[in-house]
Amino acid sequence: MKRSCLSAVARRTIRLGQARGFSLIEILLSLVLGLIVLAGIMQVYLSNQQTTRYLRGMANVQENGRFAVDLLARNLRMAGYDDPDTALDPVAAFAPTAPDTSGLFGIDGASGAPDTLITRFEGGNNIRDCLGNLVAASTAVQNTFTVDAATEELVCATRHSGSMTITTQPLATGIENLRVWYGEDTDGDLVANRYVTASGVGNWANVISLRMALLVNSEIEVLPQAGTACLGCITFAPPADRRLRGEFTTTVGLRNL
């Protein structure tokens, strides 16, 4: 009986001696493999995050640029509109503050600063100013468009005749610059013979079309490192940073001038 007990103890001792855990090398190897897998997952996550930010930035550029160009173009097509059934002159309505005798006027930006556009037209027939407000019949409106370089916004200041109140409001964000060229018909054939800046216009009454370019940015940093990335940029030379930019250009016929 005593021998049997000793044999059981001996067998138990042998089994305990055979049981062992992971070695230090095995543990270190497992940690290294785990870190490699984790690094791969993080790389995929960061790559997807960068792609998402880039697509979001591009969407900002496209949306803001198209909206600003469309808004400006629609307003410019109204420049000089004068209802023939009324005696109101939409330009004379703002005299003597009107800088010229045309429904369209421009001011060049100094040293590369944004240009300024001024349009005047008569209201009525559901016509609205640049802020979307209805302009009453027999009332003229003057809209002044410019870019606020500090806030990077397209801004419009509007004023209705008979009132000294000027209402200013931003229309689109992410707008860095605005350049304008005016198509002047110098021989009376209703075709622009040249496109010049505001300071080069010989007679504003001869301006029959307009070309403009807007520089629009993504508002958020989307590039992996600082650099110049501008879609379609010809007119502008953007700075090197991590934002995406796009240049939007269009030509507008001024049918009412």
C-alpha atoms as a PDB file:
ATOM      1  CA  MET A   1       0.000   0.000   0.000  1.00  0.00           C
ATOM      2  CA  LYS A   2       2.844   2.324   0.790  1.00  0.00           C
ATOM      3  CA  ARG A   3       4.528   1.578  -2.574  1.00  0.00           C
ATOM      4  CA  SER A   4       1.317   2.387  -4.445  1.00  0.00           C
ATOM      5  CA  CYS A   5       1.106   5.835  -2.836  1.00  0.00           C
ATOM      6  CA  LEU A   6       4.719   6.589  -3.698  1.00  0.00           C
ATOM      7  CA  SER A   7       4.152   5.632  -7.329  1.00  0.00           C
ATOM      8  CA  ALA A   8       1.190   8.007  -7.601  1.00  0.00           C
ATOM      9  CA  VAL A   9       3.239  10.858  -6.156  1.00  0.00           C
ATOM     10  CA  ALA A  10       6.081  10.114  -8.539  1.00  0.00           C
ATOM     11  CA  ARG A  11       3.780  10.079 -11.574  1.00  0.00           C
ATOM     12  CA  ARG A  12       2.212  13.372 -10.507  1.00  0.00           C
ATOM     13  CA  THR A  13       5.650  14.930 -10.107  1.00  0.00           C
ATOM     14  CA  ILE A  14       6.614  13.835 -13.620  1.00  0.00           C
ATOM     15  CA  ARG A  15       3.460  15.339 -15.167  1.00  0.00           C
ATOM     16  CA  LEU A  16       4.039  18.679 -13.394  1.00  0.00           C
ATOM     17  CA  GLY A  17       7.586  18.768 -14.602  1.00  0.00           C
ATOM     18  CA  GLN A  18       6.512  18.224 -18.202  1.00  0.00           C
ATOM     19  CA  ALA A  19       3.977  21.180 -18.167  1.00  0.00           C
ATOM     20  CA  ARG A  20       5.562  24.498 -19.223  1.00  0.00           C
ATOM     21  CA  GLY A  21       4.442  27.970 -20.581  1.00  0.00           C
ATOM     22  CA  PHE A  22       5.684  30.102 -23.507  1.00  0.00           C
ATOM     23  CA  SER A  23       9.315  31.012 -23.670  1.00  0.00           C
ATOM     24  CA  LEU A  24      10.491  34.633 -23.740  1.00  0.00           C
ATOM     25  CA  ILE A  25      11.373  34.338 -27.422  1.00  0.00           C
ATOM     26  CA  GLU A  26       7.890  33.067 -28.262  1.00  0.00           C
ATOM     27  CA  ILE A  27       6.269  35.922 -26.345  1.00  0.00           C
ATOM     28  CA  LEU A  28       8.447  38.527 -28.075  1.00  0.00           C
ATOM     29  CA  LEU A  29       7.716  37.006 -31.469  1.00  0.00           C
ATOM     30  CA  SER A  30       3.974  37.121 -30.801  1.00  0.00           C
ATOM     31  CA  LEU A  31       4.209  40.768 -29.766  1.00  0.00           C
ATOM     32  CA  VAL A  32       6.126  41.645 -32.926  1.00  0.00           C
ATOM     33  CA  LEU A  33       3.560  39.889 -35.138  1.00  0.00           C
ATOM     34  CA  GLY A  34       0.720  41.638 -33.292  1.00  0.00           C
ATOM     35  CA  LEU A  35       2.371  45.029 -33.784  1.00  0.00           C
ATOM     36  CA  ILE A  36       2.842  44.344 -37.490  1.00  0.00           C
ATOM     37  CA  VAL A  37      -0.837  43.492 -37.881  1.00  0.00           C
ATOM     38  CA  LEU A  38      -1.850  46.557 -35.837  1.00  0.00           C
ATOM     39  CA  ALA A  39       0.410  48.801 -37.927  1.00  0.00           C
ATOM     40  CA  GLY A  40      -1.225  47.478 -41.107  1.00  0.00           C
ATOM     41  CA  ILE A  41      -4.685  48.170 -39.746  1.00  0.00           C
ATOM     42  CA  MET A  42      -3.661  51.706 -38.709  1.00  0.00           C
ATOM     43  CA  GLN A  43      -2.161  52.340 -42.139  1.00  0.00           C
ATOM     44  CA  VAL A  44      -5.398  51.316 -43.851  1.00  0.00           C
ATOM     45  CA  TYR A  45      -7.417  53.480 -41.443  1.00  0.00           C
ATOM     46  CA  LEU A  46      -5.230  56.551 -41.957  1.00  0.00           C
ATOM     47  CA  SER A  47      -5.255  56.064 -45.721  1.00  0.00           C
ATOM     48  CA  ASN A  48      -9.042  55.858 -45.769  1.00  0.00           C
ATOM     49  CA  GLN A  49      -9.262  58.920 -43.519  1.00  0.00           C
ATOM     50  CA  GLN A  50      -6.968  60.885 -45.859  1.00  0.00           C
ATOM     51  CA  THR A  51      -9.022  59.840 -48.880  1.00  0.00           C
ATOM     52  CA  THR A  52     -12.239  60.858 -47.143  1.00  0.00           C
ATOM     53  CA  ARG A  53     -10.821  64.288 -46.274  1.00  0.00           C
ATOM     54  CA  TYR A  54      -9.589  64.786 -49.844  1.00  0.00           C
ATOM     55  CA  LEU A  55     -12.982  63.906 -51.314  1.00  0.00           C
ATOM     56  CA  ARG A  56     -14.688  66.189 -48.799  1.00  0.00           C
ATOM     57  CA  GLY A  57     -12.338  69.028 -49.710  1.00  0.00           C
ATOM     58  CA  MET A  58     -12.906  68.494 -53.424  1.00  0.00           C
ATOM     59  CA  ALA A  59     -16.662  68.507 -52.838  1.00  0.00           C
ATOM     60  CA  ASN A  60     -16.308  71.847 -50.990  1.00  0.00           C
ATOM     61  CA  VAL A  61     -14.364  73.316 -53.910  1.00  0.00           C
ATOM     62  CA  GLN A  62     -16.867  72.106 -56.508  1.00  0.00           C
ATOM     63  CA  GLU A  63     -19.959  73.124 -54.551  1.00  0.00           C
ATOM     64  CA  ASN A  64     -18.764  76.582 -53.515  1.00  0.00           C
ATOM     65  CA  GLY A  65     -17.227  77.344 -56.899  1.00  0.00           C
ATOM     66  CA  ARG A  66     -20.254  76.359 -58.945  1.00  0.00           C
ATOM     67  CA  PHE A  67     -22.634  78.167 -56.618  1.00  0.00           C
ATOM     68  CA  ALA A  68     -20.605  81.390 -56.694  1.00  0.00           C
ATOM     69  CA  VAL A  69     -20.170  81.359 -60.476  1.00  0.00           C
ATOM     70  CA  ASP A  70     -23.858  80.643 -61.085  1.00  0.00           C
ATOM     71  CA  LEU A  71     -24.966  83.369 -58.672  1.00  0.00           C
ATOM     72  CA  LEU A  72     -22.652  85.952 -60.237  1.00  0.00           C
ATOM     73  CA  ALA A  73     -23.629  84.982 -63.781  1.00  0.00           C
ATOM     74  CA  ARG A  74     -27.362  85.241 -63.072  1.00  0.00           C
ATOM     75  CA  ASN A  75     -26.912  88.662 -61.481  1.00  0.00           C
ATOM     76  CA  LEU A  76     -24.675  89.919 -64.298  1.00  0.00           C
ATOM     77  CA  ARG A  77     -27.248  88.982 -66.926  1.00  0.00           C
ATOM     78  CA  MET A  78     -29.605  91.423 -65.213  1.00  0.00           C
ATOM     79  CA  ALA A  79     -27.117  94.297 -65.379  1.00  0.00           C
ATOM     80  CA  GLY A  80     -28.638  97.331 -67.049  1.00  0.00           C
ATOM     81  CA  TYR A  81     -32.196  95.979 -67.185  1.00  0.00           C
ATOM     82  CA  ASP A  82     -34.631  98.895 -67.559  1.00  0.00           C
ATOM     83  CA  ASP A  83     -38.373  98.224 -67.626  1.00  0.00           C
ATOM     84  CA  PRO A  84     -39.657 100.023 -70.755  1.00  0.00           C
ATOM     85  CA  ASP A  85     -43.056 100.566 -69.144  1.00  0.00           C
ATOM     86  CA  THR A  86     -41.664 102.833 -66.420  1.00  0.00           C
ATOM     87  CA  ALA A  87     -39.820 106.134 -66.467  1.00  0.00           C
ATOM     88  CA  LEU A  88     -37.210 104.943 -63.963  1.00  0.00           C
ATOM     89  CA  ASP A  89     -33.533 104.941 -64.994  1.00  0.00           C
ATOM     90  CA  PRO A  90     -31.812 102.294 -62.812  1.00  0.00           C
ATOM     91  CA  VAL A  91     -28.453 104.057 -63.113  1.00  0.00           C
ATOM     92  CA  ALA A  92     -29.643 107.619 -62.568  1.00  0.00           C
ATOM     93  CA  ALA A  93     -31.570 106.372 -59.523  1.00  0.00           C
ATOM     94  CA  PHE A  94     -28.267 106.185 -57.663  1.00  0.00           C
ATOM     95  CA  ALA A  95     -26.807 109.463 -58.884  1.00  0.00           C
ATOM     96  CA  PRO A  96     -24.621 111.116 -57.851  1.00  0.00           C
ATOM     97  CA  THR A  97     -23.182 108.083 -56.050  1.00  0.00           C
ATOM     98  CA  ALA A  98     -23.101 106.001 -59.252  1.00  0.00           C
ATOM     99  CA  PRO A  99     -19.474 105.934 -60.476  1.00  0.00           C
ATOM    100  CA  ASP A 100     -20.505 105.825 -64.150  1.00  0.00           C
ATOM    101  CA  THR A 101     -23.501 105.888 -66.495  1.00  0.00           C
ATOM    102  CA  SER A 102     -23.784 102.153 -67.167  1.00  0.00           C
ATOM    103  CA  GLY A 103     -25.597  99.256 -65.548  1.00  0.00           C
ATOM    104  CA  LEU A 104     -22.229  97.584 -65.009  1.00  0.00           C
ATOM    105  CA  PHE A 105     -19.047  98.880 -63.483  1.00  0.00           C
ATOM    106  CA  GLY A 106     -15.853  97.318 -62.143  1.00  0.00           C
ATOM    107  CA  ILE A 107     -12.871  98.199 -59.988  1.00  0.00           C
ATOM    108  CA  ASP A 108      -9.517  96.446 -60.298  1.00  0.00           C
ATOM    109  CA  GLY A 109      -8.022  94.994 -57.138  1.00  0.00           C
ATOM    110  CA  ALA A 110      -4.688  96.537 -56.181  1.00  0.00           C
ATOM    111  CA  SER A 111      -1.589  94.311 -56.305  1.00  0.00           C
ATOM    112  CA  GLY A 112      -3.467  91.099 -56.989  1.00  0.00           C
ATOM    113  CA  ALA A 113      -6.329  91.803 -54.567  1.00  0.00           C
ATOM    114  CA  PRO A 114      -9.834  90.708 -55.641  1.00  0.00           C
ATOM    115  CA  ASP A 115     -11.675  92.819 -58.207  1.00  0.00           C
ATOM    116  CA  THR A 116     -15.023  94.462 -57.477  1.00  0.00           C
ATOM    117  CA  LEU A 117     -18.183  94.169 -59.607  1.00  0.00           C
ATOM    118  CA  ILE A 118     -21.115  96.579 -59.499  1.00  0.00           C
ATOM    119  CA  THR A 119     -24.435  95.932 -61.252  1.00  0.00           C
ATOM    120  CA  ARG A 120     -27.597  98.023 -61.429  1.00  0.00           C
ATOM    121  CA  PHE A 121     -31.016  97.094 -62.764  1.00  0.00           C
ATOM    122  CA  GLU A 122     -34.710  97.717 -62.266  1.00  0.00           C
ATOM    123  CA  GLY A 123     -37.022  95.523 -60.205  1.00  0.00           C
ATOM    124  CA  GLY A 124     -40.523  94.184 -60.645  1.00  0.00           C
ATOM    125  CA  ASN A 125     -41.660  90.901 -62.277  1.00  0.00           C
ATOM    126  CA  ASN A 126     -40.280  88.811 -59.404  1.00  0.00           C
ATOM    127  CA  ILE A 127     -36.773  90.241 -59.840  1.00  0.00           C
ATOM    128  CA  ARG A 128     -34.529  89.836 -56.803  1.00  0.00           C
ATOM    129  CA  ASP A 129     -31.327  91.416 -55.545  1.00  0.00           C
ATOM    130  CA  CYS A 130     -28.133  89.476 -54.812  1.00  0.00           C
ATOM    131  CA  LEU A 131     -29.404  88.491 -51.354  1.00  0.00           C
ATOM    132  CA  GLY A 132     -32.623  87.002 -52.720  1.00  0.00           C
ATOM    133  CA  ASN A 133     -34.870  89.875 -51.690  1.00  0.00           C
ATOM    134  CA  LEU A 134     -37.636  90.949 -54.066  1.00  0.00           C
ATOM    135  CA  VAL A 135     -37.082  94.313 -55.749  1.00  0.00           C
ATOM    136  CA  ALA A 136     -40.321  96.261 -56.033  1.00  0.00           C
ATOM    137  CA  ALA A 137     -41.555  97.593 -59.357  1.00  0.00           C
ATOM    138  CA  SER A 138     -40.262 101.049 -60.307  1.00  0.00           C
ATOM    139  CA  THR A 139     -37.362 100.484 -57.919  1.00  0.00           C
ATOM    140  CA  ALA A 140     -33.722 100.125 -58.894  1.00  0.00           C
ATOM    141  CA  VAL A 141     -31.163  97.979 -57.132  1.00  0.00           C
ATOM    142  CA  GLN A 142     -27.379  98.220 -56.972  1.00  0.00           C
ATOM    143  CA  ASN A 143     -25.375  95.116 -56.091  1.00  0.00           C
ATOM    144  CA  THR A 144     -21.678  95.283 -55.276  1.00  0.00           C
ATOM    145  CA  PHE A 145     -19.719  92.022 -55.329  1.00  0.00           C
ATOM    146  CA  THR A 146     -16.285  91.542 -53.863  1.00  0.00           C
ATOM    147  CA  VAL A 147     -14.212  88.971 -51.978  1.00  0.00           C
ATOM    148  CA  ASP A 148     -13.339  89.456 -48.318  1.00  0.00           C
ATOM    149  CA  ALA A 149      -9.730  88.274 -48.214  1.00  0.00           C
ATOM    150  CA  ALA A 150      -9.757  87.975 -44.413  1.00  0.00           C
ATOM    151  CA  THR A 151     -12.728  85.612 -44.227  1.00  0.00           C
ATOM    152  CA  GLU A 152     -12.367  84.173 -47.757  1.00  0.00           C
ATOM    153  CA  GLU A 153     -16.005  84.827 -48.611  1.00  0.00           C
ATOM    154  CA  LEU A 154     -17.810  86.162 -51.658  1.00  0.00           C
ATOM    155  CA  VAL A 155     -19.715  89.158 -50.316  1.00  0.00           C
ATOM    156  CA  CYS A 156     -22.518  91.221 -51.791  1.00  0.00           C
ATOM    157  CA  ALA A 157     -23.666  94.652 -50.633  1.00  0.00           C
ATOM    158  CA  THR A 158     -27.075  95.631 -51.997  1.00  0.00           C
ATOM    159  CA  ARG A 159     -29.003  98.876 -51.932  1.00  0.00           C
ATOM    160  CA  HIS A 160     -32.447  99.735 -53.292  1.00  0.00           C
ATOM    161  CA  SER A 161     -33.196 103.165 -54.734  1.00  0.00           C
ATOM    162  CA  GLY A 162     -34.968 105.536 -52.426  1.00  0.00           C
ATOM    163  CA  SER A 163     -33.096 104.126 -49.446  1.00  0.00           C
ATOM    164  CA  MET A 164     -29.653 104.811 -48.033  1.00  0.00           C
ATOM    165  CA  THR A 165     -29.591 101.413 -46.312  1.00  0.00           C
ATOM    166  CA  ILE A 166     -26.855  99.096 -47.583  1.00  0.00           C
ATOM    167  CA  THR A 167     -27.225  95.432 -46.623  1.00  0.00           C
ATOM    168  CA  THR A 168     -24.075  93.315 -46.769  1.00  0.00           C
ATOM    169  CA  GLN A 169     -23.997  89.549 -46.541  1.00  0.00           C
ATOM    170  CA  PRO A 170     -21.566  86.740 -47.430  1.00  0.00           C
ATOM    171  CA  LEU A 171     -22.812  84.491 -50.233  1.00  0.00           C
ATOM    172  CA  ALA A 172     -20.218  81.731 -50.525  1.00  0.00           C
ATOM    173  CA  THR A 173     -17.275  80.524 -48.447  1.00  0.00           C
ATOM    174  CA  GLY A 174     -13.840  79.343 -49.480  1.00  0.00           C
ATOM    175  CA  ILE A 175     -13.543  82.097 -52.126  1.00  0.00           C
ATOM    176  CA  GLU A 176     -10.014  83.516 -52.241  1.00  0.00           C
ATOM    177  CA  ASN A 177      -9.963  85.764 -55.279  1.00  0.00           C
ATOM    178  CA  LEU A 178     -11.995  87.226 -58.139  1.00  0.00           C
ATOM    179  CA  ARG A 179     -10.611  88.488 -61.444  1.00  0.00           C
ATOM    180  CA  VAL A 180     -12.746  90.127 -64.127  1.00  0.00           C
ATOM    181  CA  TRP A 181     -12.163  91.082 -67.773  1.00  0.00           C
ATOM    182  CA  TYR A 182     -14.652  93.123 -69.775  1.00  0.00           C
ATOM    183  CA  GLY A 183     -15.468  92.460 -73.428  1.00  0.00           C
ATOM    184  CA  GLU A 184     -15.597  95.799 -75.238  1.00  0.00           C
ATOM    185  CA  ASP A 185     -17.206  96.202 -78.662  1.00  0.00           C
ATOM    186  CA  THR A 186     -15.195  98.952 -80.310  1.00  0.00           C
ATOM    187  CA  ASP A 187     -16.718  98.806 -83.823  1.00  0.00           C
ATOM    188  CA  GLY A 188     -20.430  98.368 -83.117  1.00  0.00           C
ATOM    189  CA  ASP A 189     -20.849  94.844 -84.528  1.00  0.00           C
ATOM    190  CA  LEU A 190     -22.046  93.422 -81.171  1.00  0.00           C
ATOM    191  CA  VAL A 191     -18.944  91.249 -80.885  1.00  0.00           C
ATOM    192  CA  ALA A 192     -16.297  91.923 -78.261  1.00  0.00           C
ATOM    193  CA  ASN A 193     -13.090  93.080 -79.938  1.00  0.00           C
ATOM    194  CA  ARG A 194     -11.015  92.859 -76.772  1.00  0.00           C
ATOM    195  CA  TYR A 195     -11.153  91.790 -73.145  1.00  0.00           C
ATOM    196  CA  VAL A 196      -9.548  94.196 -70.708  1.00  0.00           C
ATOM    197  CA  THR A 197      -9.511  94.870 -66.980  1.00  0.00           C
ATOM    198  CA  ALA A 198     -11.713  97.591 -65.533  1.00  0.00           C
ATOM    199  CA  SER A 199      -9.002 100.218 -65.786  1.00  0.00           C
ATOM    200  CA  GLY A 200      -8.572  99.439 -69.501  1.00  0.00           C
ATOM    201  CA  VAL A 201     -12.220  99.913 -70.512  1.00  0.00           C
ATOM    202  CA  GLY A 202     -12.546 102.844 -72.885  1.00  0.00           C
ATOM    203  CA  ASN A 203     -16.325 103.192 -72.720  1.00  0.00           C
ATOM    204  CA  TRP A 204     -18.499 101.207 -70.317  1.00  0.00           C
ATOM    205  CA  ALA A 205     -21.461 101.598 -72.661  1.00  0.00           C
ATOM    206  CA  ASN A 206     -19.572  99.415 -75.172  1.00  0.00           C
ATOM    207  CA  VAL A 207     -19.093  96.481 -72.782  1.00  0.00           C
ATOM    208  CA  ILE A 208     -21.227  93.597 -74.072  1.00  0.00           C
ATOM    209  CA  SER A 209     -19.740  90.580 -72.255  1.00  0.00           C
ATOM    210  CA  LEU A 210     -17.623  89.693 -69.292  1.00  0.00           C
ATOM    211  CA  ARG A 211     -15.127  87.007 -68.328  1.00  0.00           C
ATOM    212  CA  MET A 212     -14.425  86.173 -64.721  1.00  0.00           C
ATOM    213  CA  ALA A 213     -12.290  83.732 -62.777  1.00  0.00           C
ATOM    214  CA  LEU A 214     -12.805  82.638 -59.183  1.00  0.00           C
ATOM    215  CA  LEU A 215     -10.182  80.983 -57.006  1.00  0.00           C
ATOM    216  CA  VAL A 216     -11.851  78.599 -54.570  1.00  0.00           C
ATOM    217  CA  ASN A 217     -10.243  76.541 -51.780  1.00  0.00           C
ATOM    218  CA  SER A 218     -11.310  73.437 -49.877  1.00  0.00           C
ATOM    219  CA  GLU A 219     -11.545  75.299 -46.523  1.00  0.00           C
ATOM    220  CA  ILE A 220      -9.944  72.285 -44.791  1.00  0.00           C
ATOM    221  CA  GLU A 221      -6.440  70.836 -45.105  1.00  0.00           C
ATOM    222  CA  VAL A 222      -6.600  67.757 -47.320  1.00  0.00           C
ATOM    223  CA  LEU A 223      -3.098  67.348 -48.740  1.00  0.00           C
ATOM    224  CA  PRO A 224      -0.637  65.066 -46.914  1.00  0.00           C
ATOM    225  CA  GLN A 225       2.007  67.783 -46.982  1.00  0.00           C
ATOM    226  CA  ALA A 226       2.342  71.437 -47.950  1.00  0.00           C
ATOM    227  CA  GLY A 227       2.244  72.029 -51.683  1.00  0.00           C
ATOM    228  CA  THR A 228       0.364  73.791 -54.500  1.00  0.00           C
ATOM    229  CA  ALA A 229      -2.587  71.788 -55.774  1.00  0.00           C
ATOM    230  CA  CYS A 230      -5.029  73.776 -57.911  1.00  0.00           C
ATOM    231  CA  LEU A 231      -7.449  72.206 -60.382  1.00  0.00           C
ATOM    232  CA  GLY A 232      -7.454  74.083 -63.683  1.00  0.00           C
ATOM    233  CA  CYS A 233      -5.458  77.043 -62.401  1.00  0.00           C
ATOM    234  CA  ILE A 234      -4.217  79.363 -65.152  1.00  0.00           C
ATOM    235  CA  THR A 235      -5.063  82.825 -63.864  1.00  0.00           C
ATOM    236  CA  PHE A 236      -4.015  82.372 -60.252  1.00  0.00           C
ATOM    237  CA  ALA A 237      -0.810  81.224 -58.539  1.00  0.00           C
ATOM    238  CA  PRO A 238      -2.005  79.856 -55.173  1.00  0.00           C
ATOM    239  CA  PRO A 239       0.274  79.611 -52.123  1.00  0.00           C
ATOM    240  CA  ALA A 240       1.790  76.333 -50.976  1.00  0.00           C
ATOM    241  CA  ASP A 241      -0.201  74.885 -48.119  1.00  0.00           C
ATOM    242  CA  ARG A 242      -2.266  71.761 -47.445  1.00  0.00           C
ATOM    243  CA  ARG A 243      -5.497  73.011 -48.987  1.00  0.00           C
ATOM    244  CA  LEU A 244      -6.891  71.981 -52.364  1.00  0.00           C
ATOM    245  CA  ARG A 245      -7.929  74.717 -54.803  1.00  0.00           C
ATOM    246  CA  GLY A 246      -9.829  75.093 -58.030  1.00  0.00           C
ATOM    247  CA  GLU A 247     -10.173  77.857 -60.591  1.00  0.00           C
ATOM    248  CA  PHE A 248     -13.640  78.464 -62.028  1.00  0.00           C
ATOM    249  CA  THR A 249     -14.004  80.581 -65.166  1.00  0.00           C
ATOM    250  CA  THR A 250     -16.977  81.617 -67.262  1.00  0.00           C
ATOM    251  CA  THR A 251     -18.012  84.146 -69.911  1.00  0.00           C
ATOM    252  CA  VAL A 252     -21.320  85.987 -69.525  1.00  0.00           C
ATOM    253  CA  GLY A 253     -23.176  87.865 -72.244  1.00  0.00           C
ATOM    254  CA  LEU A 254     -24.545  91.194 -70.980  1.00  0.00           C
ATOM    255  CA  ARG A 255     -27.785  91.251 -72.946  1.00  0.00           C
ATOM    256  CA  ASN A 256     -29.238  94.367 -71.303  1.00  0.00           C
ATOM    257  CA  LEU A 257     -26.303  96.695 -71.931  1.00  0.00           C
END
